[in-house]
Amino acid sequence: MNPPRNPIVAFISKLDLRFLLPVSLLLALAPFAPEPHLLEKLRMLSEGTLSLPIDIFDLLMHGSGLVLTATRLVIGGEPEVEAQDGT
């Protein structure tokens, strides 16, 4: 008997990568010009100038899709259930 799974882990493992990858890349790279917010905020973080609450929120928002995608890849998906014949 398998122990019950954490509901959050179960939810993340059911996310479809065909949906998750494009959405996370779009969120990470938006806006495309002049510089994606995620890159700008990571640069600010490395320079030590990331101090305003709106900048911290931007970093979390634009990076959340990539973190969720990485988590989904590490956890893995639901195992494929093979169709059983009635014979």
C-alpha atoms as a PDB file:
ATOM      1  CA  MET A   1       0.000   0.000   0.000  1.00  0.00           C
ATOM      2  CA  ASN A   2       1.378   3.419  -1.001  1.00  0.00           C
ATOM      3  CA  PRO A   3       1.400   6.226   1.567  1.00  0.00           C
ATOM      4  CA  PRO A   4      -0.819   9.216   0.719  1.00  0.00           C
ATOM      5  CA  ARG A   5       0.930  11.918  -1.310  1.00  0.00           C
ATOM      6  CA  ASN A   6       1.148  15.536  -0.368  1.00  0.00           C
ATOM      7  CA  PRO A   7      -1.705  17.326  -2.218  1.00  0.00           C
ATOM      8  CA  ILE A   8       0.647  20.025  -3.525  1.00  0.00           C
ATOM      9  CA  VAL A   9       3.055  17.430  -4.929  1.00  0.00           C
ATOM     10  CA  ALA A  10       0.122  15.579  -6.486  1.00  0.00           C
ATOM     11  CA  PHE A  11      -1.124  18.798  -8.103  1.00  0.00           C
ATOM     12  CA  ILE A  12       2.293  19.755  -9.490  1.00  0.00           C
ATOM     13  CA  SER A  13       2.898  16.253 -10.856  1.00  0.00           C
ATOM     14  CA  LYS A  14      -0.352  16.488 -12.854  1.00  0.00           C
ATOM     15  CA  LEU A  15       0.629  19.732 -14.619  1.00  0.00           C
ATOM     16  CA  ASP A  16       1.124  19.252 -18.349  1.00  0.00           C
ATOM     17  CA  LEU A  17       4.571  20.318 -19.539  1.00  0.00           C
ATOM     18  CA  ARG A  18       3.147  21.247 -22.968  1.00  0.00           C
ATOM     19  CA  PHE A  19       1.264  24.017 -21.167  1.00  0.00           C
ATOM     20  CA  LEU A  20       3.770  24.802 -18.432  1.00  0.00           C
ATOM     21  CA  LEU A  21       6.894  25.357 -20.559  1.00  0.00           C
ATOM     22  CA  PRO A  22       5.511  28.032 -22.927  1.00  0.00           C
ATOM     23  CA  VAL A  23       3.712  29.866 -20.137  1.00  0.00           C
ATOM     24  CA  SER A  24       6.773  29.927 -17.884  1.00  0.00           C
ATOM     25  CA  LEU A  25       9.047  31.101 -20.708  1.00  0.00           C
ATOM     26  CA  LEU A  26       6.586  33.817 -21.682  1.00  0.00           C
ATOM     27  CA  LEU A  27       6.321  34.979 -18.079  1.00  0.00           C
ATOM     28  CA  ALA A  28      10.097  34.901 -17.584  1.00  0.00           C
ATOM     29  CA  LEU A  29      10.866  36.833 -20.765  1.00  0.00           C
ATOM     30  CA  ALA A  30       8.091  39.448 -20.598  1.00  0.00           C
ATOM     31  CA  PRO A  31       8.409  42.261 -21.555  1.00  0.00           C
ATOM     32  CA  PHE A  32      10.677  41.404 -24.463  1.00  0.00           C
ATOM     33  CA  ALA A  33      12.068  44.907 -24.981  1.00  0.00           C
ATOM     34  CA  PRO A  34      14.205  46.629 -23.849  1.00  0.00           C
ATOM     35  CA  GLU A  35      15.160  43.940 -21.289  1.00  0.00           C
ATOM     36  CA  PRO A  36      13.145  41.098 -19.744  1.00  0.00           C
ATOM     37  CA  HIS A  37      12.104  41.904 -16.175  1.00  0.00           C
ATOM     38  CA  LEU A  38      13.545  38.673 -14.810  1.00  0.00           C
ATOM     39  CA  LEU A  39      17.006  39.455 -16.163  1.00  0.00           C
ATOM     40  CA  GLU A  40      16.751  43.040 -14.935  1.00  0.00           C
ATOM     41  CA  LYS A  41      15.730  41.948 -11.426  1.00  0.00           C
ATOM     42  CA  LEU A  42      18.432  39.276 -11.254  1.00  0.00           C
ATOM     43  CA  ARG A  43      20.999  41.895 -12.278  1.00  0.00           C
ATOM     44  CA  MET A  44      19.636  44.246  -9.598  1.00  0.00           C
ATOM     45  CA  LEU A  45      19.840  41.404  -7.055  1.00  0.00           C
ATOM     46  CA  SER A  46      23.474  40.690  -7.928  1.00  0.00           C
ATOM     47  CA  GLU A  47      24.329  44.410  -7.687  1.00  0.00           C
ATOM     48  CA  GLY A  48      22.551  44.762  -4.348  1.00  0.00           C
ATOM     49  CA  THR A  49      20.050  47.361  -5.603  1.00  0.00           C
ATOM     50  CA  LEU A  50      16.931  45.177  -5.354  1.00  0.00           C
ATOM     51  CA  SER A  51      15.241  46.900  -2.424  1.00  0.00           C
ATOM     52  CA  LEU A  52      11.831  48.234  -3.459  1.00  0.00           C
ATOM     53  CA  PRO A  53       8.860  45.965  -2.703  1.00  0.00           C
ATOM     54  CA  ILE A  54       7.601  46.229  -6.303  1.00  0.00           C
ATOM     55  CA  ASP A  55      10.974  45.004  -7.592  1.00  0.00           C
ATOM     56  CA  ILE A  56      10.965  42.054  -5.193  1.00  0.00           C
ATOM     57  CA  PHE A  57       7.395  41.232  -6.284  1.00  0.00           C
ATOM     58  CA  ASP A  58       8.476  41.428  -9.953  1.00  0.00           C
ATOM     59  CA  LEU A  59      11.347  39.018  -9.305  1.00  0.00           C
ATOM     60  CA  LEU A  60       9.036  36.540  -7.585  1.00  0.00           C
ATOM     61  CA  MET A  61       6.309  36.857 -10.213  1.00  0.00           C
ATOM     62  CA  HIS A  62       8.535  36.544 -13.281  1.00  0.00           C
ATOM     63  CA  GLY A  63      10.592  33.718 -11.762  1.00  0.00           C
ATOM     64  CA  SER A  64       7.703  31.673 -10.386  1.00  0.00           C
ATOM     65  CA  GLY A  65       6.949  29.933 -13.688  1.00  0.00           C
ATOM     66  CA  LEU A  66      10.519  28.714 -14.065  1.00  0.00           C
ATOM     67  CA  VAL A  67      10.582  27.509 -10.450  1.00  0.00           C
ATOM     68  CA  LEU A  68       7.298  25.661 -10.973  1.00  0.00           C
ATOM     69  CA  THR A  69       8.576  24.087 -14.207  1.00  0.00           C
ATOM     70  CA  ALA A  70      11.816  22.998 -12.529  1.00  0.00           C
ATOM     71  CA  THR A  71       9.837  21.555  -9.614  1.00  0.00           C
ATOM     72  CA  ARG A  72       7.589  19.657 -12.040  1.00  0.00           C
ATOM     73  CA  LEU A  73      10.636  18.224 -13.853  1.00  0.00           C
ATOM     74  CA  VAL A  74      12.237  17.106 -10.574  1.00  0.00           C
ATOM     75  CA  ILE A  75       9.037  15.575  -9.179  1.00  0.00           C
ATOM     76  CA  GLY A  76       8.132  13.878 -12.450  1.00  0.00           C
ATOM     77  CA  GLY A  77       4.671  13.252 -13.754  1.00  0.00           C
ATOM     78  CA  GLU A  78       1.914  10.828 -13.063  1.00  0.00           C
ATOM     79  CA  PRO A  79       2.813   7.366 -14.338  1.00  0.00           C
ATOM     80  CA  GLU A  80       1.147   6.326 -17.550  1.00  0.00           C
ATOM     81  CA  VAL A  81      -1.709   3.922 -16.936  1.00  0.00           C
ATOM     82  CA  GLU A  82      -1.788   1.179 -19.519  1.00  0.00           C
ATOM     83  CA  ALA A  83      -5.126   0.159 -20.932  1.00  0.00           C
ATOM     84  CA  GLN A  84      -6.027  -3.335 -19.842  1.00  0.00           C
ATOM     85  CA  ASP A  85      -7.785  -5.734 -22.129  1.00  0.00           C
ATOM     86  CA  GLY A  86     -10.929  -7.373 -20.879  1.00  0.00           C
ATOM     87  CA  THR A  87      -9.600 -10.730 -22.021  1.00  0.00           C
END
